[in-house]
Amino acid sequence: RGGGGGAAAAVPPGVSAGGDAAPRGVMRAALHGEPVNHGPAGHTSRPNPFKLDPPALGLVIFLTSEIARCGAFFLCYGHTRLIRGYEWPQPGFEIPADSTSINTMILIASSFTCEMVLLLLIRNMRRAAIAWMVLTILLGSAFLGLQAHEYMVIGFTPATNAMGSTFFSLTGLHGVHVFLGITLLSYCLIRLIR
């Protein structure tokens, strides 16, 4: 057609009649309140920047939380003893060094017996692994029994003072840690026997 008159020019898809490049669907949604589907959302950040597989990442997070928890209690102990100047143990109380030494030796021995279980399983020596697993569980149980005995004869409680509450918190949480270890090792032992 010749002269500039009445016919409208063809509008390419996605461009409004006014010439701007706003998509018609978005404009219609803005004007009429219709929902707009923008397609699948992508990640705005990488979910795992360390490229660790999930079990390894979970182990790192678990160990970090354990270090933070234990570190907080040791900082509390250090602050109370070194900064605030509390004597420990306070006059009239004594930490039983002999039972504490025995418990330490039990824990060291149980770490070796637990490592023996792993080595024997790698060598496919299942019966020997079961025997060492039983020994590890017995050592952990002996540790808990001796710790319970210590609690009964030690002569102070968590309510005695700040050092008493810190002592029972640290050793109690460690006892819970050992108890959970015994529970998990018992589960592994049942699976080994079957």
N, C-alpha and C. Protein backbone atom coordinates (compact mmCIF):
# COMPACT_ATOMS: atom_id res chain seq x y z
N ARG A 1 0.84 -1.17 0.00
CA ARG A 1 0.00 0.00 0.00
C ARG A 1 0.87 1.21 0.00
N GLY A 2 0.48 2.13 -0.54
CA GLY A 2 1.29 3.27 -0.80
C GLY A 2 1.24 4.35 0.17
N GLY A 3 0.72 4.78 0.83
CA GLY A 3 0.97 6.03 1.47
C GLY A 3 0.71 6.14 2.92
N GLY A 4 1.10 5.72 3.72
CA GLY A 4 1.12 5.96 5.14
C GLY A 4 -0.20 5.96 5.82
N GLY A 5 -1.20 5.49 5.27
CA GLY A 5 -2.52 5.66 5.84
C GLY A 5 -2.91 4.63 6.86
N GLY A 6 -3.97 4.00 6.66
CA GLY A 6 -4.67 3.35 7.71
C GLY A 6 -4.26 1.98 8.12
N ALA A 7 -3.40 1.27 7.46
CA ALA A 7 -3.09 -0.10 7.85
C ALA A 7 -2.01 -0.13 8.92
N ALA A 8 -2.20 -0.96 9.89
CA ALA A 8 -1.22 -1.09 10.96
C ALA A 8 -0.10 -2.01 10.50
N ALA A 9 1.12 -1.68 10.90
CA ALA A 9 2.27 -2.52 10.55
C ALA A 9 2.26 -3.79 11.39
N ALA A 10 2.84 -4.84 10.88
CA ALA A 10 2.89 -6.11 11.61
C ALA A 10 3.79 -5.97 12.84
N VAL A 11 3.32 -6.48 13.98
CA VAL A 11 4.07 -6.39 15.24
C VAL A 11 4.73 -7.74 15.48
N PRO A 12 6.07 -7.76 15.64
CA PRO A 12 6.72 -9.04 15.89
C PRO A 12 6.31 -9.62 17.24
N PRO A 13 6.38 -10.95 17.38
CA PRO A 13 5.99 -11.55 18.65
C PRO A 13 6.88 -11.05 19.79
N GLY A 14 6.28 -10.84 20.96
CA GLY A 14 7.00 -10.40 22.15
C GLY A 14 7.21 -8.90 22.23
N VAL A 15 6.74 -8.15 21.24
CA VAL A 15 6.90 -6.70 21.28
C VAL A 15 5.51 -6.10 21.30
N SER A 16 5.31 -5.13 22.17
CA SER A 16 3.99 -4.52 22.25
C SER A 16 3.78 -3.58 21.08
N ALA A 17 2.55 -3.19 20.85
CA ALA A 17 2.20 -2.33 19.72
C ALA A 17 2.87 -0.97 19.83
N GLY A 18 3.22 -0.53 21.03
CA GLY A 18 3.87 0.76 21.21
C GLY A 18 5.34 0.73 20.83
N GLY A 19 5.90 -0.43 20.51
CA GLY A 19 7.26 -0.50 20.04
C GLY A 19 8.28 -0.89 21.10
N ASP A 20 7.90 -0.88 22.40
CA ASP A 20 8.89 -1.29 23.40
C ASP A 20 9.02 -2.81 23.40
N ALA A 21 10.07 -3.29 23.97
CA ALA A 21 10.38 -4.72 23.89
C ALA A 21 9.87 -5.52 25.08
N ALA A 22 8.93 -5.02 25.86
CA ALA A 22 8.39 -5.78 27.00
C ALA A 22 7.52 -6.91 26.49
N PRO A 23 7.72 -8.13 26.94
CA PRO A 23 6.87 -9.24 26.51
C PRO A 23 5.42 -9.01 26.90
N ARG A 24 4.52 -9.41 25.99
CA ARG A 24 3.09 -9.19 26.24
C ARG A 24 2.61 -9.94 27.48
N GLY A 25 3.12 -11.16 27.73
CA GLY A 25 2.66 -11.94 28.86
C GLY A 25 2.97 -11.26 30.19
N VAL A 26 4.15 -10.68 30.32
CA VAL A 26 4.54 -10.02 31.56
C VAL A 26 3.69 -8.77 31.76
N MET A 27 3.46 -8.01 30.68
CA MET A 27 2.64 -6.80 30.78
C MET A 27 1.21 -7.15 31.17
N ARG A 28 0.69 -8.20 30.55
CA ARG A 28 -0.67 -8.61 30.87
C ARG A 28 -0.78 -9.02 32.33
N ALA A 29 0.23 -9.74 32.83
CA ALA A 29 0.22 -10.17 34.23
C ALA A 29 0.29 -8.96 35.15
N ALA A 30 1.12 -7.99 34.79
CA ALA A 30 1.24 -6.80 35.63
C ALA A 30 -0.04 -5.99 35.63
N LEU A 31 -0.70 -5.90 34.48
CA LEU A 31 -1.93 -5.10 34.39
C LEU A 31 -3.14 -5.81 34.95
N HIS A 32 -3.21 -7.11 34.79
CA HIS A 32 -4.42 -7.84 35.17
C HIS A 32 -4.24 -8.78 36.35
N GLY A 33 -3.06 -8.82 36.97
CA GLY A 33 -2.83 -9.65 38.15
C GLY A 33 -2.76 -11.12 37.87
N GLU A 34 -2.40 -11.49 36.65
CA GLU A 34 -2.29 -12.90 36.31
C GLU A 34 -0.92 -13.43 36.73
N PRO A 35 -0.84 -14.71 37.12
CA PRO A 35 0.47 -15.28 37.48
C PRO A 35 1.36 -15.43 36.25
N VAL A 36 2.64 -15.29 36.45
CA VAL A 36 3.60 -15.42 35.37
C VAL A 36 4.50 -16.62 35.67
N ASN A 37 4.68 -17.49 34.69
CA ASN A 37 5.57 -18.61 34.84
C ASN A 37 6.89 -18.26 34.16
N HIS A 38 7.93 -18.11 34.93
CA HIS A 38 9.23 -17.75 34.39
C HIS A 38 10.09 -18.97 34.10
N GLY A 39 9.56 -20.17 34.27
CA GLY A 39 10.34 -21.37 34.02
C GLY A 39 11.04 -21.83 35.30
N PRO A 40 11.82 -22.88 35.20
CA PRO A 40 12.49 -23.41 36.40
C PRO A 40 13.49 -22.42 36.97
N ALA A 41 13.50 -22.35 38.28
CA ALA A 41 14.43 -21.44 38.96
C ALA A 41 15.80 -22.09 39.04
N GLY A 42 16.82 -21.31 38.85
CA GLY A 42 18.18 -21.81 38.98
C GLY A 42 18.73 -21.43 40.35
N HIS A 43 19.83 -22.05 40.74
CA HIS A 43 20.45 -21.71 42.01
C HIS A 43 21.11 -20.34 41.92
N THR A 44 20.92 -19.55 42.95
CA THR A 44 21.58 -18.25 42.97
C THR A 44 22.97 -18.36 43.56
N SER A 45 23.24 -19.46 44.29
CA SER A 45 24.58 -19.72 44.79
C SER A 45 24.82 -21.21 44.71
N ARG A 46 26.06 -21.60 44.75
CA ARG A 46 26.36 -23.03 44.69
C ARG A 46 25.99 -23.66 46.03
N PRO A 47 25.21 -24.76 46.05
CA PRO A 47 24.80 -25.38 47.31
C PRO A 47 25.93 -26.05 48.06
N ASN A 48 26.96 -26.52 47.38
CA ASN A 48 28.07 -27.21 48.03
C ASN A 48 29.37 -26.73 47.38
N PRO A 49 29.88 -25.59 47.81
CA PRO A 49 31.05 -25.02 47.13
C PRO A 49 32.32 -25.84 47.31
N PHE A 50 32.36 -26.78 48.27
CA PHE A 50 33.57 -27.56 48.52
C PHE A 50 33.65 -28.82 47.67
N LYS A 51 32.61 -29.12 46.92
CA LYS A 51 32.56 -30.30 46.06
C LYS A 51 32.74 -31.60 46.85
N LEU A 52 32.26 -31.63 48.10
CA LEU A 52 32.32 -32.85 48.91
C LEU A 52 31.04 -33.64 48.69
N ASP A 53 31.16 -34.96 48.74
CA ASP A 53 29.95 -35.75 48.66
C ASP A 53 29.19 -35.58 49.99
N PRO A 54 27.88 -35.75 50.00
CA PRO A 54 27.08 -35.47 51.20
C PRO A 54 27.54 -36.16 52.48
N PRO A 55 27.92 -37.46 52.47
CA PRO A 55 28.39 -38.05 53.73
C PRO A 55 29.66 -37.38 54.26
N ALA A 56 30.59 -37.03 53.38
CA ALA A 56 31.82 -36.37 53.83
C ALA A 56 31.50 -34.97 54.38
N LEU A 57 30.62 -34.26 53.71
CA LEU A 57 30.22 -32.94 54.18
C LEU A 57 29.52 -33.05 55.53
N GLY A 58 28.66 -34.06 55.69
CA GLY A 58 27.99 -34.27 56.97
C GLY A 58 28.98 -34.56 58.08
N LEU A 59 30.02 -35.35 57.78
CA LEU A 59 31.04 -35.65 58.78
C LEU A 59 31.80 -34.40 59.17
N VAL A 60 32.13 -33.55 58.20
CA VAL A 60 32.83 -32.29 58.50
C VAL A 60 31.96 -31.41 59.38
N ILE A 61 30.68 -31.31 59.07
CA ILE A 61 29.77 -30.48 59.89
C ILE A 61 29.65 -31.05 61.30
N PHE A 62 29.52 -32.38 61.41
CA PHE A 62 29.42 -33.02 62.72
C PHE A 62 30.67 -32.77 63.55
N LEU A 63 31.85 -33.00 62.96
CA LEU A 63 33.09 -32.81 63.71
C LEU A 63 33.29 -31.35 64.12
N THR A 64 32.91 -30.43 63.25
CA THR A 64 33.01 -29.01 63.58
C THR A 64 32.11 -28.66 64.76
N SER A 65 30.90 -29.22 64.77
CA SER A 65 29.99 -28.94 65.89
C SER A 65 30.50 -29.57 67.19
N GLU A 66 31.11 -30.75 67.10
CA GLU A 66 31.69 -31.38 68.30
C GLU A 66 32.84 -30.54 68.86
N ILE A 67 33.70 -30.04 67.97
CA ILE A 67 34.82 -29.20 68.40
C ILE A 67 34.30 -27.92 69.04
N ALA A 68 33.26 -27.33 68.45
CA ALA A 68 32.69 -26.10 69.02
C ALA A 68 32.07 -26.35 70.39
N ARG A 69 31.33 -27.46 70.51
CA ARG A 69 30.68 -27.76 71.79
C ARG A 69 31.72 -28.02 72.89
N CYS A 70 32.67 -28.88 72.61
CA CYS A 70 33.69 -29.18 73.62
C CYS A 70 34.56 -27.96 73.90
N GLY A 71 34.87 -27.21 72.85
CA GLY A 71 35.67 -26.00 73.02
C GLY A 71 35.00 -24.99 73.93
N ALA A 72 33.67 -24.87 73.81
CA ALA A 72 32.94 -23.94 74.67
C ALA A 72 33.07 -24.33 76.14
N PHE A 73 32.97 -25.62 76.43
CA PHE A 73 33.09 -26.05 77.82
C PHE A 73 34.52 -25.89 78.35
N PHE A 74 35.52 -26.16 77.51
CA PHE A 74 36.90 -25.96 77.97
C PHE A 74 37.21 -24.48 78.16
N LEU A 75 36.64 -23.62 77.32
CA LEU A 75 36.81 -22.18 77.53
C LEU A 75 36.17 -21.73 78.83
N CYS A 76 34.99 -22.29 79.13
CA CYS A 76 34.33 -21.97 80.40
C CYS A 76 35.20 -22.41 81.58
N TYR A 77 35.75 -23.60 81.49
CA TYR A 77 36.63 -24.11 82.54
C TYR A 77 37.85 -23.21 82.69
N GLY A 78 38.50 -22.88 81.58
CA GLY A 78 39.68 -22.03 81.62
C GLY A 78 39.37 -20.65 82.18
N HIS A 79 38.24 -20.09 81.77
CA HIS A 79 37.85 -18.77 82.27
C HIS A 79 37.62 -18.81 83.78
N THR A 80 36.90 -19.82 84.22
CA THR A 80 36.60 -19.92 85.65
C THR A 80 37.86 -20.13 86.47
N ARG A 81 38.76 -20.96 85.97
CA ARG A 81 39.96 -21.28 86.73
C ARG A 81 41.04 -20.21 86.61
N LEU A 82 41.32 -19.73 85.41
CA LEU A 82 42.44 -18.83 85.19
C LEU A 82 42.07 -17.36 85.37
N ILE A 83 40.94 -16.95 84.84
CA ILE A 83 40.56 -15.54 84.90
C ILE A 83 39.90 -15.21 86.24
N ARG A 84 38.94 -16.05 86.64
CA ARG A 84 38.23 -15.78 87.89
C ARG A 84 39.01 -16.25 89.11
N GLY A 85 40.01 -17.09 88.93
CA GLY A 85 40.90 -17.49 90.01
C GLY A 85 40.38 -18.57 90.94
N TYR A 86 39.42 -19.39 90.48
CA TYR A 86 38.96 -20.50 91.32
C TYR A 86 40.05 -21.55 91.44
N GLU A 87 40.27 -22.04 92.64
CA GLU A 87 41.17 -23.18 92.83
C GLU A 87 40.42 -24.44 92.40
N TRP A 88 41.17 -25.36 91.81
CA TRP A 88 40.53 -26.60 91.40
C TRP A 88 41.49 -27.75 91.63
N PRO A 89 41.06 -28.77 92.31
CA PRO A 89 39.81 -28.85 93.06
C PRO A 89 39.87 -27.95 94.30
N GLN A 90 38.73 -27.54 94.72
CA GLN A 90 38.69 -26.63 95.88
C GLN A 90 39.10 -27.38 97.14
N PRO A 91 39.58 -26.63 98.14
CA PRO A 91 39.99 -27.28 99.39
C PRO A 91 38.87 -28.16 99.95
N GLY A 92 39.23 -29.35 100.38
CA GLY A 92 38.26 -30.29 100.92
C GLY A 92 37.77 -31.29 99.89
N PHE A 93 38.05 -31.06 98.61
CA PHE A 93 37.63 -31.98 97.55
C PHE A 93 38.87 -32.49 96.83
N GLU A 94 38.78 -33.71 96.36
CA GLU A 94 39.90 -34.27 95.62
C GLU A 94 39.38 -35.08 94.44
N ILE A 95 39.98 -34.86 93.28
CA ILE A 95 39.65 -35.67 92.10
C ILE A 95 40.44 -36.98 92.24
N PRO A 96 39.77 -38.13 92.18
CA PRO A 96 40.48 -39.40 92.34
C PRO A 96 41.39 -39.68 91.15
N ALA A 97 42.69 -39.45 91.33
CA ALA A 97 43.65 -39.58 90.24
C ALA A 97 43.79 -41.02 89.76
N ASP A 98 43.68 -41.99 90.67
CA ASP A 98 43.87 -43.38 90.25
C ASP A 98 42.74 -43.84 89.34
N SER A 99 41.48 -43.57 89.69
CA SER A 99 40.38 -44.02 88.82
C SER A 99 40.35 -43.22 87.52
N THR A 100 40.76 -41.95 87.58
CA THR A 100 40.82 -41.15 86.36
C THR A 100 41.90 -41.71 85.43
N SER A 101 43.03 -42.11 85.99
CA SER A 101 44.10 -42.70 85.18
C SER A 101 43.66 -44.02 84.56
N ILE A 102 42.95 -44.82 85.33
CA ILE A 102 42.46 -46.11 84.81
C ILE A 102 41.48 -45.86 83.67
N ASN A 103 40.58 -44.90 83.84
CA ASN A 103 39.63 -44.58 82.79
C ASN A 103 40.33 -44.11 81.52
N THR A 104 41.38 -43.32 81.68
CA THR A 104 42.13 -42.85 80.51
C THR A 104 42.76 -44.03 79.78
N MET A 105 43.34 -44.96 80.53
CA MET A 105 43.95 -46.14 79.90
C MET A 105 42.90 -47.02 79.22
N ILE A 106 41.70 -47.10 79.82
CA ILE A 106 40.61 -47.87 79.19
C ILE A 106 40.24 -47.25 77.85
N LEU A 107 40.14 -45.92 77.81
CA LEU A 107 39.77 -45.26 76.55
C LEU A 107 40.83 -45.44 75.48
N ILE A 108 42.09 -45.32 75.86
CA ILE A 108 43.16 -45.52 74.89
C ILE A 108 43.14 -46.95 74.37
N ALA A 109 42.96 -47.91 75.26
CA ALA A 109 42.90 -49.32 74.84
C ALA A 109 41.71 -49.57 73.92
N SER A 110 40.57 -48.95 74.22
CA SER A 110 39.38 -49.17 73.38
C SER A 110 39.56 -48.58 71.99
N SER A 111 40.35 -47.52 71.86
CA SER A 111 40.59 -46.98 70.52
C SER A 111 41.42 -47.97 69.70
N PHE A 112 42.37 -48.66 70.34
CA PHE A 112 43.15 -49.67 69.62
C PHE A 112 42.29 -50.88 69.26
N THR A 113 41.43 -51.32 70.18
CA THR A 113 40.59 -52.48 69.86
C THR A 113 39.60 -52.15 68.75
N CYS A 114 39.11 -50.93 68.73
CA CYS A 114 38.18 -50.52 67.67
C CYS A 114 38.91 -50.48 66.32
N GLU A 115 40.14 -50.02 66.33
CA GLU A 115 40.94 -50.01 65.09
C GLU A 115 41.21 -51.44 64.61
N MET A 116 41.41 -52.36 65.56
CA MET A 116 41.61 -53.77 65.19
C MET A 116 40.38 -54.32 64.46
N VAL A 117 39.19 -53.92 64.92
CA VAL A 117 37.96 -54.35 64.24
C VAL A 117 38.00 -53.93 62.78
N LEU A 118 38.35 -52.69 62.53
CA LEU A 118 38.40 -52.18 61.16
C LEU A 118 39.43 -52.95 60.32
N LEU A 119 40.62 -53.15 60.86
CA LEU A 119 41.65 -53.87 60.12
C LEU A 119 41.23 -55.30 59.81
N LEU A 120 40.59 -55.96 60.77
CA LEU A 120 40.15 -57.34 60.55
C LEU A 120 39.01 -57.41 59.54
N LEU A 121 38.14 -56.42 59.53
CA LEU A 121 37.07 -56.41 58.53
C LEU A 121 37.64 -56.19 57.13
N ILE A 122 38.66 -55.34 57.01
CA ILE A 122 39.29 -55.12 55.71
C ILE A 122 39.91 -56.42 55.21
N ARG A 123 40.44 -57.23 56.11
CA ARG A 123 41.05 -58.52 55.75
C ARG A 123 40.02 -59.65 55.67
N ASN A 124 38.75 -59.30 55.84
CA ASN A 124 37.64 -60.26 55.77
C ASN A 124 37.75 -61.36 56.83
N MET A 125 38.20 -60.99 58.03
CA MET A 125 38.31 -61.92 59.15
C MET A 125 37.18 -61.59 60.14
N ARG A 126 35.99 -62.04 59.78
CA ARG A 126 34.78 -61.62 60.49
C ARG A 126 34.72 -62.12 61.93
N ARG A 127 35.06 -63.36 62.18
CA ARG A 127 34.99 -63.90 63.56
C ARG A 127 35.92 -63.16 64.50
N ALA A 128 37.13 -62.87 64.06
CA ALA A 128 38.07 -62.12 64.89
C ALA A 128 37.56 -60.69 65.10
N ALA A 129 36.96 -60.11 64.07
CA ALA A 129 36.41 -58.76 64.19
C ALA A 129 35.30 -58.73 65.24
N ILE A 130 34.47 -59.76 65.27
CA ILE A 130 33.40 -59.83 66.27
C ILE A 130 33.99 -59.87 67.67
N ALA A 131 35.03 -60.66 67.88
CA ALA A 131 35.66 -60.77 69.20
C ALA A 131 36.23 -59.42 69.64
N TRP A 132 36.92 -58.73 68.74
CA TRP A 132 37.48 -57.42 69.08
C TRP A 132 36.40 -56.38 69.30
N MET A 133 35.28 -56.51 68.57
CA MET A 133 34.15 -55.58 68.77
C MET A 133 33.55 -55.78 70.15
N VAL A 134 33.39 -57.02 70.57
CA VAL A 134 32.87 -57.30 71.92
C VAL A 134 33.81 -56.71 72.97
N LEU A 135 35.12 -56.88 72.78
CA LEU A 135 36.09 -56.32 73.71
C LEU A 135 35.99 -54.79 73.76
N THR A 136 35.81 -54.15 72.61
CA THR A 136 35.67 -52.69 72.57
C THR A 136 34.43 -52.24 73.34
N ILE A 137 33.32 -52.94 73.15
CA ILE A 137 32.08 -52.60 73.86
C ILE A 137 32.25 -52.81 75.36
N LEU A 138 32.92 -53.88 75.76
CA LEU A 138 33.17 -54.13 77.19
C LEU A 138 34.05 -53.04 77.80
N LEU A 139 35.07 -52.59 77.07
CA LEU A 139 35.92 -51.52 77.58
C LEU A 139 35.13 -50.21 77.73
N GLY A 140 34.29 -49.90 76.76
CA GLY A 140 33.46 -48.69 76.87
C GLY A 140 32.50 -48.78 78.05
N SER A 141 31.93 -49.96 78.26
CA SER A 141 31.03 -50.16 79.40
C SER A 141 31.77 -50.04 80.72
N ALA A 142 33.00 -50.56 80.78
CA ALA A 142 33.81 -50.43 81.99
C ALA A 142 34.11 -48.96 82.28
N PHE A 143 34.38 -48.19 81.23
CA PHE A 143 34.61 -46.76 81.40
C PHE A 143 33.39 -46.08 82.02
N LEU A 144 32.21 -46.38 81.48
CA LEU A 144 30.99 -45.75 82.02
C LEU A 144 30.72 -46.18 83.45
N GLY A 145 30.96 -47.45 83.76
CA GLY A 145 30.76 -47.92 85.13
C GLY A 145 31.69 -47.23 86.11
N LEU A 146 32.95 -47.07 85.73
CA LEU A 146 33.92 -46.39 86.60
C LEU A 146 33.58 -44.91 86.74
N GLN A 147 33.10 -44.30 85.65
CA GLN A 147 32.70 -42.90 85.74
C GLN A 147 31.50 -42.72 86.66
N ALA A 148 30.53 -43.63 86.59
CA ALA A 148 29.37 -43.56 87.48
C ALA A 148 29.81 -43.72 88.94
N HIS A 149 30.75 -44.63 89.18
CA HIS A 149 31.27 -44.81 90.54
C HIS A 149 31.97 -43.53 91.02
N GLU A 150 32.75 -42.90 90.14
CA GLU A 150 33.41 -41.64 90.48
C GLU A 150 32.39 -40.59 90.90
N TYR A 151 31.32 -40.49 90.14
CA TYR A 151 30.28 -39.50 90.46
C TYR A 151 29.71 -39.70 91.85
N MET A 152 29.57 -40.95 92.26
CA MET A 152 28.96 -41.23 93.56
C MET A 152 29.88 -40.93 94.72
N VAL A 153 31.20 -41.01 94.53
CA VAL A 153 32.12 -40.83 95.65
C VAL A 153 32.93 -39.54 95.59
N ILE A 154 32.72 -38.72 94.61
CA ILE A 154 33.61 -37.58 94.39
C ILE A 154 33.44 -36.48 95.45
N GLY A 155 32.27 -36.34 96.02
CA GLY A 155 32.12 -35.41 97.13
C GLY A 155 31.59 -34.03 96.77
N PHE A 156 31.33 -33.77 95.51
CA PHE A 156 30.69 -32.51 95.14
C PHE A 156 29.71 -32.79 94.01
N THR A 157 28.85 -31.81 93.75
CA THR A 157 27.80 -31.96 92.75
C THR A 157 27.86 -30.78 91.79
N PRO A 158 27.05 -30.79 90.75
CA PRO A 158 27.01 -29.62 89.88
C PRO A 158 26.53 -28.36 90.60
N ALA A 159 25.78 -28.53 91.69
CA ALA A 159 25.26 -27.37 92.43
C ALA A 159 26.27 -26.80 93.42
N THR A 160 27.41 -27.47 93.61
CA THR A 160 28.39 -27.00 94.60
C THR A 160 28.95 -25.64 94.24
N ASN A 161 29.43 -25.50 93.01
CA ASN A 161 29.97 -24.21 92.54
C ASN A 161 30.14 -24.28 91.02
N ALA A 162 30.71 -23.22 90.46
CA ALA A 162 30.88 -23.17 89.00
C ALA A 162 31.82 -24.26 88.51
N MET A 163 32.86 -24.54 89.26
CA MET A 163 33.79 -25.58 88.83
C MET A 163 33.14 -26.96 88.88
N GLY A 164 32.29 -27.19 89.87
CA GLY A 164 31.58 -28.47 89.94
C GLY A 164 30.65 -28.65 88.75
N SER A 165 29.93 -27.59 88.39
CA SER A 165 29.02 -27.71 87.25
C SER A 165 29.79 -27.87 85.95
N THR A 166 30.95 -27.21 85.82
CA THR A 166 31.76 -27.38 84.62
C THR A 166 32.32 -28.80 84.55
N PHE A 167 32.79 -29.33 85.68
CA PHE A 167 33.33 -30.69 85.73
C PHE A 167 32.27 -31.70 85.30
N PHE A 168 31.07 -31.61 85.88
CA PHE A 168 30.03 -32.57 85.56
C PHE A 168 29.53 -32.39 84.12
N SER A 169 29.53 -31.16 83.62
CA SER A 169 29.12 -30.94 82.23
C SER A 169 30.11 -31.57 81.27
N LEU A 170 31.40 -31.32 81.50
CA LEU A 170 32.42 -31.88 80.60
C LEU A 170 32.45 -33.41 80.66
N THR A 171 32.52 -33.96 81.86
CA THR A 171 32.62 -35.41 81.97
C THR A 171 31.29 -36.09 81.62
N GLY A 172 30.18 -35.42 81.92
CA GLY A 172 28.87 -35.99 81.58
C GLY A 172 28.66 -36.04 80.07
N LEU A 173 29.02 -34.97 79.37
CA LEU A 173 28.89 -34.99 77.91
C LEU A 173 29.83 -36.02 77.29
N HIS A 174 31.00 -36.18 77.89
CA HIS A 174 31.90 -37.21 77.39
C HIS A 174 31.31 -38.59 77.64
N GLY A 175 30.66 -38.78 78.79
CA GLY A 175 30.00 -40.05 79.06
C GLY A 175 28.88 -40.34 78.07
N VAL A 176 28.12 -39.30 77.71
CA VAL A 176 27.06 -39.47 76.70
C VAL A 176 27.68 -39.87 75.37
N HIS A 177 28.80 -39.25 75.03
CA HIS A 177 29.52 -39.57 73.79
C HIS A 177 29.93 -41.05 73.79
N VAL A 178 30.47 -41.53 74.90
CA VAL A 178 30.89 -42.94 75.00
C VAL A 178 29.66 -43.85 74.93
N PHE A 179 28.56 -43.46 75.60
CA PHE A 179 27.34 -44.27 75.57
C PHE A 179 26.81 -44.40 74.14
N LEU A 180 26.80 -43.28 73.41
CA LEU A 180 26.34 -43.34 72.01
C LEU A 180 27.27 -44.22 71.18
N GLY A 181 28.57 -44.15 71.45
CA GLY A 181 29.51 -45.02 70.75
C GLY A 181 29.24 -46.49 71.03
N ILE A 182 28.97 -46.82 72.29
CA ILE A 182 28.65 -48.21 72.64
C ILE A 182 27.38 -48.66 71.94
N THR A 183 26.39 -47.78 71.89
CA THR A 183 25.12 -48.11 71.22
C THR A 183 25.35 -48.39 69.74
N LEU A 184 26.11 -47.52 69.07
CA LEU A 184 26.37 -47.73 67.64
C LEU A 184 27.22 -48.97 67.40
N LEU A 185 28.21 -49.20 68.26
CA LEU A 185 29.03 -50.41 68.11
C LEU A 185 28.20 -51.67 68.35
N SER A 186 27.24 -51.61 69.27
CA SER A 186 26.37 -52.77 69.51
C SER A 186 25.51 -53.06 68.29
N TYR A 187 25.03 -52.00 67.64
CA TYR A 187 24.26 -52.18 66.40
C TYR A 187 25.14 -52.82 65.33
N CYS A 188 26.38 -52.34 65.21
CA CYS A 188 27.31 -52.93 64.24
C CYS A 188 27.62 -54.38 64.57
N LEU A 189 27.73 -54.68 65.86
CA LEU A 189 28.00 -56.06 66.28
C LEU A 189 26.86 -56.98 65.89
N ILE A 190 25.62 -56.53 66.10
CA ILE A 190 24.46 -57.35 65.70
C ILE A 190 24.49 -57.61 64.20
N ARG A 191 24.83 -56.61 63.42
CA ARG A 191 24.91 -56.79 61.97
C ARG A 191 26.06 -57.73 61.58
N LEU A 192 27.16 -57.64 62.32
CA LEU A 192 28.28 -58.55 62.04
C LEU A 192 27.92 -60.00 62.33
N ILE A 193 27.19 -60.21 63.42
CA ILE A 193 26.82 -61.57 63.82
C ILE A 193 25.84 -62.18 62.82
N ARG A 194 24.92 -61.38 62.32
CA ARG A 194 23.93 -61.89 61.36
C ARG A 194 24.62 -62.19 60.07
